N, C-alpha and C. Protein backbone atom coordinates (compact mmCIF):
# COMPACT_ATOMS: atom_id res chain seq x y z
N MET A 1 12.40 -18.42 18.62
CA MET A 1 12.58 -17.06 18.13
C MET A 1 14.03 -16.66 18.32
N ASN A 2 14.67 -16.28 17.26
CA ASN A 2 16.06 -15.89 17.29
C ASN A 2 16.19 -14.54 16.59
N LEU A 3 16.84 -13.60 17.24
CA LEU A 3 16.95 -12.27 16.65
C LEU A 3 18.09 -12.15 15.65
N MET A 4 19.02 -13.08 15.63
CA MET A 4 20.11 -13.16 14.66
C MET A 4 20.86 -11.83 14.51
N LEU A 5 21.53 -11.43 15.56
CA LEU A 5 22.24 -10.16 15.52
C LEU A 5 23.56 -10.26 14.76
N PHE A 6 24.20 -11.41 14.78
CA PHE A 6 25.52 -11.55 14.18
C PHE A 6 25.46 -12.49 12.99
N GLU A 7 24.87 -12.02 11.92
CA GLU A 7 24.73 -12.86 10.75
C GLU A 7 25.09 -12.08 9.49
N ASN A 8 25.50 -12.78 8.49
CA ASN A 8 25.89 -12.19 7.22
C ASN A 8 24.67 -11.58 6.52
N LEU A 9 24.88 -10.46 5.83
CA LEU A 9 23.77 -9.77 5.17
C LEU A 9 23.15 -10.60 4.05
N THR A 10 23.97 -11.27 3.27
CA THR A 10 23.42 -12.08 2.18
C THR A 10 22.66 -13.29 2.72
N THR A 11 23.12 -13.84 3.83
CA THR A 11 22.39 -14.95 4.45
C THR A 11 21.05 -14.47 4.97
N ARG A 12 21.06 -13.30 5.56
CA ARG A 12 19.82 -12.73 6.11
C ARG A 12 18.82 -12.41 4.99
N LEU A 13 19.29 -11.82 3.90
CA LEU A 13 18.40 -11.45 2.81
C LEU A 13 17.90 -12.66 2.02
N SER A 14 18.56 -13.79 2.15
CA SER A 14 18.12 -14.98 1.43
C SER A 14 17.04 -15.75 2.19
N GLN A 15 16.73 -15.34 3.41
CA GLN A 15 15.68 -16.02 4.18
C GLN A 15 14.31 -15.60 3.67
N MET A 16 13.38 -16.55 3.70
CA MET A 16 12.06 -16.32 3.14
C MET A 16 11.27 -15.26 3.92
N ASN A 17 11.39 -15.27 5.26
CA ASN A 17 10.63 -14.30 6.04
C ASN A 17 11.10 -12.87 5.79
N VAL A 18 12.38 -12.69 5.52
CA VAL A 18 12.91 -11.36 5.22
C VAL A 18 12.44 -10.90 3.83
N GLN A 19 12.43 -11.81 2.88
CA GLN A 19 11.97 -11.46 1.55
C GLN A 19 10.49 -11.10 1.54
N VAL A 20 9.67 -11.86 2.25
CA VAL A 20 8.25 -11.54 2.34
C VAL A 20 8.05 -10.22 3.06
N GLY A 21 8.83 -9.99 4.10
CA GLY A 21 8.75 -8.73 4.83
C GLY A 21 9.13 -7.53 3.97
N LEU A 22 10.15 -7.68 3.15
CA LEU A 22 10.54 -6.59 2.26
C LEU A 22 9.45 -6.29 1.23
N VAL A 23 8.84 -7.33 0.70
CA VAL A 23 7.76 -7.12 -0.26
C VAL A 23 6.59 -6.41 0.39
N LEU A 24 6.22 -6.85 1.60
CA LEU A 24 5.12 -6.20 2.31
C LEU A 24 5.45 -4.75 2.66
N ALA A 25 6.69 -4.50 3.05
CA ALA A 25 7.09 -3.13 3.39
C ALA A 25 7.03 -2.22 2.16
N ILE A 26 7.46 -2.72 1.02
CA ILE A 26 7.41 -1.93 -0.21
C ILE A 26 5.97 -1.66 -0.62
N LEU A 27 5.12 -2.68 -0.53
CA LEU A 27 3.71 -2.49 -0.86
C LEU A 27 3.03 -1.52 0.11
N GLY A 28 3.34 -1.64 1.39
CA GLY A 28 2.77 -0.74 2.38
C GLY A 28 3.21 0.69 2.20
N LEU A 29 4.49 0.88 1.90
CA LEU A 29 5.00 2.23 1.65
C LEU A 29 4.37 2.82 0.40
N GLY A 30 4.24 2.00 -0.64
CA GLY A 30 3.59 2.47 -1.86
C GLY A 30 2.14 2.82 -1.63
N MET A 31 1.46 2.02 -0.83
CA MET A 31 0.05 2.30 -0.52
C MET A 31 -0.08 3.60 0.27
N ALA A 32 0.80 3.82 1.22
CA ALA A 32 0.73 5.04 2.02
C ALA A 32 1.07 6.27 1.18
N LEU A 33 2.05 6.14 0.28
CA LEU A 33 2.44 7.28 -0.53
C LEU A 33 1.43 7.59 -1.63
N LEU A 34 0.77 6.58 -2.14
CA LEU A 34 -0.19 6.78 -3.22
C LEU A 34 -1.63 6.88 -2.72
N ALA A 35 -1.83 7.06 -1.42
CA ALA A 35 -3.17 7.07 -0.85
C ALA A 35 -4.03 8.20 -1.42
N LYS A 36 -3.43 9.36 -1.65
CA LYS A 36 -4.22 10.48 -2.17
C LYS A 36 -4.67 10.21 -3.60
N ARG A 37 -3.80 9.62 -4.40
CA ARG A 37 -4.18 9.30 -5.78
C ARG A 37 -5.25 8.20 -5.81
N ILE A 38 -5.13 7.23 -4.90
CA ILE A 38 -6.15 6.18 -4.83
C ILE A 38 -7.48 6.77 -4.41
N ALA A 39 -7.46 7.70 -3.46
CA ALA A 39 -8.70 8.34 -3.02
C ALA A 39 -9.32 9.17 -4.14
N ARG A 40 -8.48 9.86 -4.92
CA ARG A 40 -8.99 10.61 -6.07
C ARG A 40 -9.63 9.69 -7.09
N LEU A 41 -9.01 8.54 -7.31
CA LEU A 41 -9.53 7.57 -8.27
C LEU A 41 -10.87 6.99 -7.80
N VAL A 42 -10.97 6.70 -6.51
CA VAL A 42 -12.20 6.12 -5.98
C VAL A 42 -13.31 7.16 -5.94
N ARG A 43 -13.01 8.35 -5.46
CA ARG A 43 -14.03 9.39 -5.32
C ARG A 43 -14.32 10.12 -6.63
N GLN A 44 -13.41 10.04 -7.58
CA GLN A 44 -13.50 10.73 -8.87
C GLN A 44 -13.69 12.24 -8.68
N LYS A 45 -12.90 12.79 -7.77
CA LYS A 45 -12.88 14.23 -7.52
C LYS A 45 -11.45 14.73 -7.69
N LYS A 46 -11.33 16.01 -7.97
CA LYS A 46 -10.01 16.60 -8.12
C LYS A 46 -9.38 16.90 -6.76
N GLU A 47 -10.18 17.38 -5.82
CA GLU A 47 -9.70 17.73 -4.49
C GLU A 47 -10.16 16.70 -3.46
N ILE A 48 -9.24 16.25 -2.65
CA ILE A 48 -9.55 15.31 -1.57
C ILE A 48 -9.17 15.99 -0.25
N VAL A 49 -10.10 16.04 0.67
CA VAL A 49 -9.82 16.63 1.98
C VAL A 49 -9.02 15.65 2.81
N SER A 50 -8.31 16.16 3.81
CA SER A 50 -7.40 15.32 4.58
C SER A 50 -8.11 14.35 5.53
N ASP A 51 -9.41 14.54 5.77
CA ASP A 51 -10.13 13.61 6.65
C ASP A 51 -11.07 12.68 5.87
N ASP A 52 -10.77 12.47 4.60
CA ASP A 52 -11.56 11.57 3.77
C ASP A 52 -11.35 10.12 4.24
N LYS A 53 -12.43 9.36 4.30
CA LYS A 53 -12.35 8.00 4.83
C LYS A 53 -11.51 7.07 3.95
N VAL A 54 -11.59 7.24 2.65
CA VAL A 54 -10.80 6.40 1.74
C VAL A 54 -9.32 6.70 1.91
N LEU A 55 -8.98 7.98 2.03
CA LEU A 55 -7.59 8.38 2.22
C LEU A 55 -7.04 7.82 3.53
N LEU A 56 -7.79 7.97 4.60
CA LEU A 56 -7.34 7.47 5.90
C LEU A 56 -7.25 5.95 5.94
N THR A 57 -8.18 5.28 5.26
CA THR A 57 -8.14 3.82 5.21
C THR A 57 -6.92 3.33 4.45
N CYS A 58 -6.59 3.96 3.34
CA CYS A 58 -5.42 3.57 2.56
C CYS A 58 -4.13 3.79 3.36
N LYS A 59 -4.06 4.92 4.04
CA LYS A 59 -2.86 5.20 4.86
C LYS A 59 -2.75 4.22 6.02
N ALA A 60 -3.88 3.91 6.67
CA ALA A 60 -3.86 2.96 7.78
C ALA A 60 -3.48 1.56 7.32
N PHE A 61 -4.02 1.14 6.17
CA PHE A 61 -3.68 -0.18 5.63
C PHE A 61 -2.20 -0.26 5.27
N GLY A 62 -1.65 0.81 4.71
CA GLY A 62 -0.22 0.85 4.42
C GLY A 62 0.62 0.76 5.67
N LEU A 63 0.21 1.45 6.73
CA LEU A 63 0.93 1.41 7.99
C LEU A 63 0.88 0.02 8.62
N VAL A 64 -0.26 -0.63 8.54
CA VAL A 64 -0.38 -1.99 9.07
C VAL A 64 0.52 -2.94 8.29
N MET A 65 0.58 -2.79 6.99
CA MET A 65 1.45 -3.64 6.17
C MET A 65 2.92 -3.43 6.53
N ILE A 66 3.32 -2.20 6.79
CA ILE A 66 4.70 -1.92 7.17
C ILE A 66 5.01 -2.53 8.54
N CYS A 67 4.09 -2.42 9.48
CA CYS A 67 4.31 -3.00 10.82
C CYS A 67 4.41 -4.52 10.76
N VAL A 68 3.55 -5.15 9.99
CA VAL A 68 3.61 -6.61 9.83
C VAL A 68 4.92 -7.01 9.16
N ALA A 69 5.37 -6.23 8.20
CA ALA A 69 6.63 -6.53 7.52
C ALA A 69 7.80 -6.45 8.48
N LEU A 70 7.81 -5.45 9.34
CA LEU A 70 8.90 -5.33 10.31
C LEU A 70 8.91 -6.50 11.29
N ILE A 71 7.74 -6.92 11.72
CA ILE A 71 7.67 -8.07 12.62
C ILE A 71 8.15 -9.33 11.92
N LEU A 72 7.75 -9.52 10.67
CA LEU A 72 8.19 -10.69 9.91
C LEU A 72 9.70 -10.72 9.70
N MET A 73 10.29 -9.55 9.48
CA MET A 73 11.73 -9.51 9.22
C MET A 73 12.54 -9.73 10.50
N ILE A 74 12.00 -9.37 11.64
CA ILE A 74 12.75 -9.52 12.88
C ILE A 74 12.71 -10.96 13.38
N VAL A 75 11.54 -11.57 13.33
CA VAL A 75 11.35 -12.90 13.92
C VAL A 75 11.72 -13.97 12.91
N GLU A 76 12.52 -14.94 13.35
CA GLU A 76 12.84 -16.09 12.50
C GLU A 76 11.92 -17.23 12.87
N TRP A 77 11.28 -17.83 11.88
CA TRP A 77 10.33 -18.91 12.12
C TRP A 77 10.93 -20.22 11.63
N LYS A 78 11.05 -21.16 12.52
CA LYS A 78 11.53 -22.49 12.16
C LYS A 78 10.34 -23.42 12.03
N ILE A 79 9.99 -23.77 10.82
CA ILE A 79 8.84 -24.66 10.60
C ILE A 79 9.26 -26.13 10.74
N ILE A 80 10.37 -26.47 10.14
CA ILE A 80 10.84 -27.87 10.21
C ILE A 80 12.17 -27.91 10.91
């Protein structure tokens, strides 16, 4: 595990774990921001209360995706 504090930005962004982490972070942020619309689509109601299970599940799943993305971007994995 190497934290790579002194590395070039283009070198860092070209690593596979950083690219996967960025994709997961974007998907997680999108899921968290669009959670209310997803809940409206699933429930087929105009008004969604703030303690709706679908809304909370979408927000929690988005948060988990963001956390996993941050861990992936920080840790460098040497397979070979």
